[in-house]
N, C-alpha and C. Protein backbone atom coordinates (compact mmCIF):
# COMPACT_ATOMS: atom_id res chain seq x y z
N UNK A 1 13.55 7.55 -33.13
CA UNK A 1 13.03 6.97 -31.92
C UNK A 1 13.82 5.71 -31.64
N UNK A 2 14.00 5.40 -30.37
CA UNK A 2 14.74 4.23 -29.93
C UNK A 2 13.87 3.43 -28.98
N UNK A 3 13.86 2.11 -29.16
CA UNK A 3 13.05 1.22 -28.32
C UNK A 3 13.98 0.40 -27.44
N UNK A 4 13.71 0.40 -26.13
CA UNK A 4 14.46 -0.41 -25.17
C UNK A 4 13.50 -1.17 -24.27
N UNK A 5 13.78 -2.46 -24.00
CA UNK A 5 13.00 -3.14 -22.97
C UNK A 5 13.39 -2.56 -21.61
N UNK A 6 12.43 -2.49 -20.72
CA UNK A 6 12.64 -1.96 -19.38
C UNK A 6 12.20 -3.03 -18.40
N UNK A 7 13.16 -3.59 -17.64
CA UNK A 7 12.86 -4.62 -16.65
C UNK A 7 12.46 -3.94 -15.35
N UNK A 8 11.29 -4.28 -14.85
CA UNK A 8 10.76 -3.67 -13.63
C UNK A 8 10.69 -4.72 -12.52
N UNK A 9 11.27 -4.40 -11.37
CA UNK A 9 11.29 -5.30 -10.22
C UNK A 9 10.65 -4.61 -9.02
N UNK A 10 10.44 -5.36 -7.98
CA UNK A 10 9.84 -4.82 -6.76
C UNK A 10 10.84 -5.00 -5.62
N UNK A 11 11.95 -4.23 -5.69
CA UNK A 11 12.95 -4.27 -4.63
C UNK A 11 14.14 -5.18 -4.92
N UNK A 12 14.16 -5.87 -6.05
CA UNK A 12 15.26 -6.79 -6.35
C UNK A 12 16.04 -6.39 -7.61
N UNK A 13 15.87 -5.17 -8.07
CA UNK A 13 16.53 -4.73 -9.30
C UNK A 13 18.05 -4.82 -9.20
N UNK A 14 18.63 -4.40 -8.08
CA UNK A 14 20.08 -4.43 -7.96
C UNK A 14 20.61 -5.86 -8.05
N UNK A 15 19.93 -6.80 -7.42
CA UNK A 15 20.34 -8.21 -7.52
C UNK A 15 20.26 -8.69 -8.96
N UNK A 16 19.23 -8.29 -9.69
CA UNK A 16 19.08 -8.68 -11.09
C UNK A 16 20.21 -8.06 -11.93
N UNK A 17 20.52 -6.79 -11.67
CA UNK A 17 21.60 -6.12 -12.40
C UNK A 17 22.91 -6.89 -12.21
N UNK A 18 23.21 -7.25 -10.97
CA UNK A 18 24.45 -7.96 -10.68
C UNK A 18 24.46 -9.36 -11.31
N UNK A 19 23.32 -10.05 -11.29
CA UNK A 19 23.22 -11.37 -11.90
C UNK A 19 23.43 -11.28 -13.41
N UNK A 20 22.70 -10.38 -14.07
CA UNK A 20 22.81 -10.25 -15.52
C UNK A 20 24.22 -9.81 -15.92
N UNK A 21 24.82 -8.92 -15.14
CA UNK A 21 26.18 -8.46 -15.45
C UNK A 21 27.18 -9.60 -15.34
N UNK A 22 27.12 -10.36 -14.25
CA UNK A 22 28.10 -11.43 -14.07
C UNK A 22 27.84 -12.63 -14.98
N UNK A 23 26.59 -12.96 -15.22
CA UNK A 23 26.26 -14.13 -16.03
C UNK A 23 26.43 -13.85 -17.52
N UNK A 24 25.92 -12.72 -17.99
CA UNK A 24 25.91 -12.43 -19.42
C UNK A 24 27.09 -11.56 -19.87
N UNK A 25 27.89 -11.13 -18.91
CA UNK A 25 29.04 -10.30 -19.25
C UNK A 25 28.67 -8.86 -19.60
N UNK A 26 27.48 -8.44 -19.21
CA UNK A 26 27.05 -7.08 -19.49
C UNK A 26 27.65 -6.14 -18.45
N UNK A 27 27.82 -4.91 -18.85
CA UNK A 27 28.21 -3.85 -17.93
C UNK A 27 26.94 -3.14 -17.51
N UNK A 28 27.05 -2.25 -16.54
CA UNK A 28 25.89 -1.44 -16.19
C UNK A 28 26.31 -0.02 -15.90
N UNK A 29 25.39 0.88 -16.15
CA UNK A 29 25.63 2.30 -15.86
C UNK A 29 25.55 2.50 -14.35
N UNK A 30 25.72 3.74 -13.94
CA UNK A 30 25.55 4.09 -12.53
C UNK A 30 24.15 3.67 -12.07
N UNK A 31 24.09 3.07 -10.89
CA UNK A 31 22.80 2.69 -10.31
C UNK A 31 22.26 3.92 -9.58
N UNK A 32 21.18 4.47 -10.09
CA UNK A 32 20.56 5.64 -9.47
C UNK A 32 19.46 5.15 -8.54
N UNK A 33 19.41 5.72 -7.35
CA UNK A 33 18.51 5.23 -6.30
C UNK A 33 17.41 6.24 -5.96
N UNK A 34 16.33 5.70 -5.42
CA UNK A 34 15.21 6.54 -5.02
C UNK A 34 15.65 7.62 -4.04
N UNK A 35 16.53 7.30 -3.10
CA UNK A 35 16.94 8.28 -2.08
C UNK A 35 17.62 9.50 -2.68
N UNK A 36 18.17 9.34 -3.87
CA UNK A 36 18.87 10.45 -4.53
C UNK A 36 18.00 11.18 -5.54
N UNK A 37 16.71 10.88 -5.53
CA UNK A 37 15.79 11.51 -6.48
C UNK A 37 14.63 12.13 -5.71
N UNK A 38 13.85 12.98 -6.38
CA UNK A 38 12.67 13.55 -5.72
C UNK A 38 11.45 12.62 -5.81
N UNK A 39 11.63 11.40 -6.31
CA UNK A 39 10.51 10.47 -6.44
C UNK A 39 10.01 10.06 -5.05
N UNK A 40 8.70 10.03 -4.85
CA UNK A 40 8.18 9.62 -3.55
C UNK A 40 8.49 8.14 -3.30
N UNK A 41 8.83 7.84 -2.04
CA UNK A 41 9.13 6.45 -1.67
C UNK A 41 9.06 6.29 -0.16
N UNK A 42 8.89 5.05 0.25
CA UNK A 42 8.89 4.71 1.68
C UNK A 42 10.34 4.55 2.13
N UNK A 43 10.56 4.59 3.42
CA UNK A 43 11.92 4.47 3.97
C UNK A 43 12.60 3.18 3.51
N UNK A 44 11.86 2.06 3.48
CA UNK A 44 12.48 0.78 3.08
C UNK A 44 12.82 0.74 1.58
N UNK A 45 12.37 1.73 0.82
CA UNK A 45 12.64 1.78 -0.62
C UNK A 45 13.77 2.73 -0.98
N UNK A 46 14.42 3.34 -0.01
CA UNK A 46 15.42 4.37 -0.30
C UNK A 46 16.57 3.87 -1.16
N UNK A 47 16.96 2.60 -1.02
CA UNK A 47 18.06 2.06 -1.83
C UNK A 47 17.58 1.33 -3.07
N UNK A 48 16.29 1.36 -3.32
CA UNK A 48 15.76 0.76 -4.55
C UNK A 48 16.33 1.50 -5.76
N UNK A 49 16.37 0.80 -6.88
CA UNK A 49 16.91 1.36 -8.12
C UNK A 49 15.82 2.17 -8.83
N UNK A 50 16.12 3.45 -9.08
CA UNK A 50 15.19 4.27 -9.85
C UNK A 50 15.52 4.19 -11.35
N UNK A 51 16.82 3.92 -11.67
CA UNK A 51 17.20 3.74 -13.08
C UNK A 51 18.62 3.21 -13.18
N UNK A 52 18.80 2.28 -14.13
CA UNK A 52 20.12 1.76 -14.47
C UNK A 52 20.03 1.17 -15.87
N UNK A 53 21.10 1.28 -16.63
CA UNK A 53 21.12 0.70 -17.97
C UNK A 53 22.08 -0.49 -18.01
N UNK A 54 21.66 -1.57 -18.66
CA UNK A 54 22.51 -2.72 -18.91
C UNK A 54 23.10 -2.55 -20.30
N UNK A 55 24.42 -2.73 -20.41
CA UNK A 55 25.14 -2.43 -21.64
C UNK A 55 25.92 -3.64 -22.14
N UNK A 56 25.96 -3.80 -23.45
CA UNK A 56 26.80 -4.82 -24.10
C UNK A 56 27.59 -4.11 -25.19
N UNK A 57 28.91 -4.14 -25.05
CA UNK A 57 29.80 -3.46 -25.99
C UNK A 57 29.43 -1.98 -26.15
N UNK A 58 29.08 -1.36 -25.01
CA UNK A 58 28.79 0.06 -24.98
C UNK A 58 27.39 0.46 -25.42
N UNK A 59 26.59 -0.50 -25.82
CA UNK A 59 25.23 -0.20 -26.28
C UNK A 59 24.21 -0.70 -25.26
N UNK A 60 23.17 0.10 -25.02
CA UNK A 60 22.11 -0.29 -24.09
C UNK A 60 21.33 -1.47 -24.64
N UNK A 61 21.20 -2.53 -23.82
CA UNK A 61 20.38 -3.68 -24.21
C UNK A 61 19.07 -3.71 -23.42
N UNK A 62 19.07 -3.08 -22.25
CA UNK A 62 17.86 -3.00 -21.43
C UNK A 62 18.08 -1.96 -20.34
N UNK A 63 16.97 -1.52 -19.77
CA UNK A 63 17.03 -0.62 -18.63
C UNK A 63 16.33 -1.32 -17.46
N UNK A 64 16.67 -0.92 -16.24
CA UNK A 64 16.21 -1.62 -15.05
C UNK A 64 15.78 -0.61 -14.00
N UNK A 65 14.70 -0.95 -13.26
CA UNK A 65 14.26 -0.12 -12.13
C UNK A 65 13.41 -0.96 -11.19
N UNK A 66 13.19 -0.43 -10.00
CA UNK A 66 12.25 -1.00 -9.04
C UNK A 66 10.99 -0.14 -9.05
N UNK A 67 9.84 -0.76 -8.87
CA UNK A 67 8.58 -0.02 -8.78
C UNK A 67 7.62 -0.80 -7.88
N UNK A 68 6.86 -0.07 -7.10
CA UNK A 68 5.94 -0.73 -6.17
C UNK A 68 4.80 -1.44 -6.88
N UNK A 69 4.49 -1.04 -8.11
CA UNK A 69 3.37 -1.67 -8.82
C UNK A 69 3.81 -2.83 -9.70
N UNK A 70 5.03 -3.33 -9.49
CA UNK A 70 5.52 -4.47 -10.27
C UNK A 70 4.84 -5.75 -9.79
N UNK A 71 4.28 -6.47 -10.71
CA UNK A 71 3.64 -7.75 -10.42
C UNK A 71 3.77 -8.62 -11.66
N UNK A 72 3.53 -9.92 -11.57
CA UNK A 72 3.67 -10.76 -12.76
C UNK A 72 2.91 -10.16 -13.94
N UNK A 73 3.58 -10.12 -15.08
CA UNK A 73 2.99 -9.56 -16.28
C UNK A 73 3.36 -8.11 -16.51
N UNK A 74 3.96 -7.46 -15.50
CA UNK A 74 4.35 -6.06 -15.68
C UNK A 74 5.85 -5.87 -15.59
N UNK A 75 6.62 -6.96 -15.44
CA UNK A 75 8.06 -6.79 -15.22
C UNK A 75 8.82 -6.32 -16.45
N UNK A 76 8.30 -6.53 -17.63
CA UNK A 76 8.97 -6.01 -18.82
C UNK A 76 8.02 -5.04 -19.51
N UNK A 77 8.50 -3.82 -19.66
CA UNK A 77 7.72 -2.79 -20.33
C UNK A 77 8.56 -2.27 -21.49
N UNK A 78 7.91 -1.66 -22.43
CA UNK A 78 8.63 -1.11 -23.58
C UNK A 78 8.84 0.38 -23.37
N UNK A 79 10.07 0.81 -23.54
CA UNK A 79 10.42 2.22 -23.35
C UNK A 79 10.82 2.82 -24.69
N UNK A 80 10.05 3.81 -25.14
CA UNK A 80 10.34 4.52 -26.39
C UNK A 80 10.96 5.87 -26.04
N UNK A 81 12.13 6.13 -26.59
CA UNK A 81 12.82 7.40 -26.38
C UNK A 81 12.79 8.17 -27.70
N UNK A 82 12.10 9.31 -27.68
CA UNK A 82 11.83 10.09 -28.88
C UNK A 82 12.81 11.24 -29.07
N UNK A 83 12.96 11.63 -30.32
CA UNK A 83 13.71 12.84 -30.68
C UNK A 83 12.76 13.93 -31.17
N UNK A 84 11.46 13.63 -31.23
CA UNK A 84 10.44 14.56 -31.70
C UNK A 84 9.28 14.57 -30.70
N UNK A 85 9.15 15.66 -29.96
CA UNK A 85 8.14 15.77 -28.91
C UNK A 85 6.72 15.63 -29.45
N UNK A 86 6.43 16.31 -30.56
CA UNK A 86 5.07 16.25 -31.13
C UNK A 86 4.71 14.82 -31.54
N UNK A 87 5.65 14.10 -32.14
CA UNK A 87 5.39 12.72 -32.53
C UNK A 87 5.09 11.88 -31.30
N UNK A 88 5.87 12.08 -30.23
CA UNK A 88 5.62 11.33 -29.00
C UNK A 88 4.22 11.62 -28.47
N UNK A 89 3.83 12.88 -28.44
CA UNK A 89 2.50 13.25 -27.94
C UNK A 89 1.41 12.58 -28.77
N UNK A 90 1.57 12.59 -30.10
CA UNK A 90 0.57 11.94 -30.98
C UNK A 90 0.54 10.44 -30.78
N UNK A 91 1.72 9.80 -30.72
CA UNK A 91 1.78 8.35 -30.52
C UNK A 91 1.17 7.96 -29.18
N UNK A 92 1.44 8.76 -28.15
CA UNK A 92 0.92 8.49 -26.81
C UNK A 92 -0.62 8.45 -26.85
N UNK A 93 -1.21 9.47 -27.46
CA UNK A 93 -2.67 9.54 -27.53
C UNK A 93 -3.26 8.38 -28.34
N UNK A 94 -2.61 8.02 -29.43
CA UNK A 94 -3.12 6.93 -30.26
C UNK A 94 -3.03 5.59 -29.53
N UNK A 95 -1.90 5.33 -28.86
CA UNK A 95 -1.77 4.06 -28.12
C UNK A 95 -2.70 4.01 -26.90
N UNK A 96 -3.03 5.17 -26.36
CA UNK A 96 -3.90 5.21 -25.18
C UNK A 96 -5.37 4.96 -25.53
N UNK A 97 -5.73 5.15 -26.82
CA UNK A 97 -7.11 4.88 -27.23
C UNK A 97 -7.47 3.43 -26.90
N UNK A 98 -8.59 3.22 -26.26
CA UNK A 98 -9.06 1.90 -25.82
C UNK A 98 -8.12 1.27 -24.81
N UNK A 99 -7.15 2.05 -24.34
CA UNK A 99 -6.20 1.57 -23.34
C UNK A 99 -6.39 2.32 -22.04
N UNK A 100 -5.29 2.55 -21.34
CA UNK A 100 -5.36 3.15 -20.01
C UNK A 100 -4.09 3.99 -19.79
N UNK A 101 -4.26 5.27 -19.55
CA UNK A 101 -3.11 6.13 -19.22
C UNK A 101 -2.76 5.90 -17.76
N UNK A 102 -1.53 5.50 -17.52
CA UNK A 102 -1.05 5.25 -16.16
C UNK A 102 -0.46 6.52 -15.57
N UNK A 103 0.35 7.22 -16.38
CA UNK A 103 0.94 8.49 -15.98
C UNK A 103 0.90 9.40 -17.20
N UNK A 104 0.15 10.50 -17.14
CA UNK A 104 0.06 11.39 -18.30
C UNK A 104 1.43 11.98 -18.65
N UNK A 105 1.60 12.38 -19.89
CA UNK A 105 2.84 13.03 -20.30
C UNK A 105 3.02 14.31 -19.50
N UNK A 106 4.14 14.40 -18.79
CA UNK A 106 4.44 15.57 -17.97
C UNK A 106 5.95 15.78 -17.94
N UNK A 107 6.35 17.03 -17.74
CA UNK A 107 7.77 17.34 -17.56
C UNK A 107 8.25 16.73 -16.25
N UNK A 108 9.42 16.08 -16.28
CA UNK A 108 9.95 15.38 -15.12
C UNK A 108 11.26 16.00 -14.64
N UNK A 109 11.71 15.58 -13.47
CA UNK A 109 12.90 16.16 -12.85
C UNK A 109 14.18 15.89 -13.64
N UNK A 110 14.19 14.88 -14.52
CA UNK A 110 15.40 14.60 -15.32
C UNK A 110 15.39 15.39 -16.64
N UNK A 111 14.59 16.44 -16.70
CA UNK A 111 14.48 17.36 -17.84
C UNK A 111 13.97 16.65 -19.09
N UNK A 112 12.94 15.88 -18.90
CA UNK A 112 12.31 15.18 -20.02
C UNK A 112 10.80 15.25 -19.83
N UNK A 113 10.09 15.10 -20.93
CA UNK A 113 8.64 14.87 -20.86
C UNK A 113 8.47 13.36 -20.93
N UNK A 114 7.67 12.83 -20.01
CA UNK A 114 7.58 11.37 -19.82
C UNK A 114 6.16 11.00 -19.46
N UNK A 115 5.73 9.83 -19.91
CA UNK A 115 4.42 9.29 -19.54
C UNK A 115 4.40 7.78 -19.70
N UNK A 116 3.37 7.16 -19.11
CA UNK A 116 3.20 5.71 -19.18
C UNK A 116 1.76 5.40 -19.53
N UNK A 117 1.58 4.32 -20.29
CA UNK A 117 0.24 3.86 -20.61
C UNK A 117 0.23 2.36 -20.81
N UNK A 118 -0.96 1.79 -20.75
CA UNK A 118 -1.17 0.40 -21.11
C UNK A 118 -2.10 0.42 -22.31
N UNK A 119 -1.66 -0.21 -23.42
CA UNK A 119 -2.49 -0.17 -24.62
C UNK A 119 -3.65 -1.17 -24.55
N UNK A 120 -4.48 -1.20 -25.56
CA UNK A 120 -5.67 -2.04 -25.56
C UNK A 120 -5.35 -3.53 -25.50
N UNK A 121 -4.09 -3.90 -25.74
CA UNK A 121 -3.68 -5.30 -25.69
C UNK A 121 -3.00 -5.66 -24.38
N UNK A 122 -2.89 -4.68 -23.47
CA UNK A 122 -2.27 -4.92 -22.17
C UNK A 122 -0.78 -4.69 -22.12
N UNK A 123 -0.18 -4.22 -23.24
CA UNK A 123 1.25 -3.92 -23.26
C UNK A 123 1.48 -2.57 -22.59
N UNK A 124 2.45 -2.53 -21.67
CA UNK A 124 2.77 -1.29 -20.98
C UNK A 124 3.89 -0.57 -21.72
N UNK A 125 3.69 0.74 -21.94
CA UNK A 125 4.62 1.59 -22.68
C UNK A 125 5.06 2.75 -21.80
N UNK A 126 6.34 3.08 -21.86
CA UNK A 126 6.90 4.28 -21.26
C UNK A 126 7.43 5.12 -22.42
N UNK A 127 7.09 6.40 -22.44
CA UNK A 127 7.54 7.29 -23.51
C UNK A 127 8.28 8.46 -22.90
N UNK A 128 9.43 8.77 -23.50
CA UNK A 128 10.33 9.78 -22.96
C UNK A 128 10.86 10.67 -24.09
N UNK A 129 10.84 11.96 -23.84
CA UNK A 129 11.49 12.93 -24.74
C UNK A 129 12.46 13.75 -23.90
N UNK A 130 13.74 13.66 -24.19
CA UNK A 130 14.78 14.38 -23.44
C UNK A 130 14.91 15.79 -24.00
N UNK A 131 14.68 16.79 -23.17
CA UNK A 131 14.73 18.18 -23.62
C UNK A 131 16.17 18.68 -23.82
N UNK A 132 17.17 17.91 -23.43
CA UNK A 132 18.58 18.32 -23.60
C UNK A 132 19.18 17.83 -24.92
N UNK A 133 18.36 17.37 -25.86
CA UNK A 133 18.88 16.84 -27.13
C UNK A 133 19.55 17.92 -27.94
């Protein structure tokens, strides 16, 4: 399993990507946008970032996206990327106890099973299992 911080913005992700890249010397992966995905969005959100990775010496240091539900306290979430689907399903259920499932584990358009939850301490978690492993 791999843990990455995920920076969540509300329409300013691309500006943050450019700032972090120029200031910290990080590179970034392709900026994927809502308009190029099947994710629901409003017209003014079409150029918002649906996913981008910030890299240092070829290694991911953080991931970045825009989301309409971003507000103070939710801008950094923890993203766990699993190599074992059953383990992810078990961990998801355990962390959701006394917490709140935001998005149940479901197969997604990027060929992964993915879900989101907030644990009993208020930490937001994103869990992903890539079926192309």
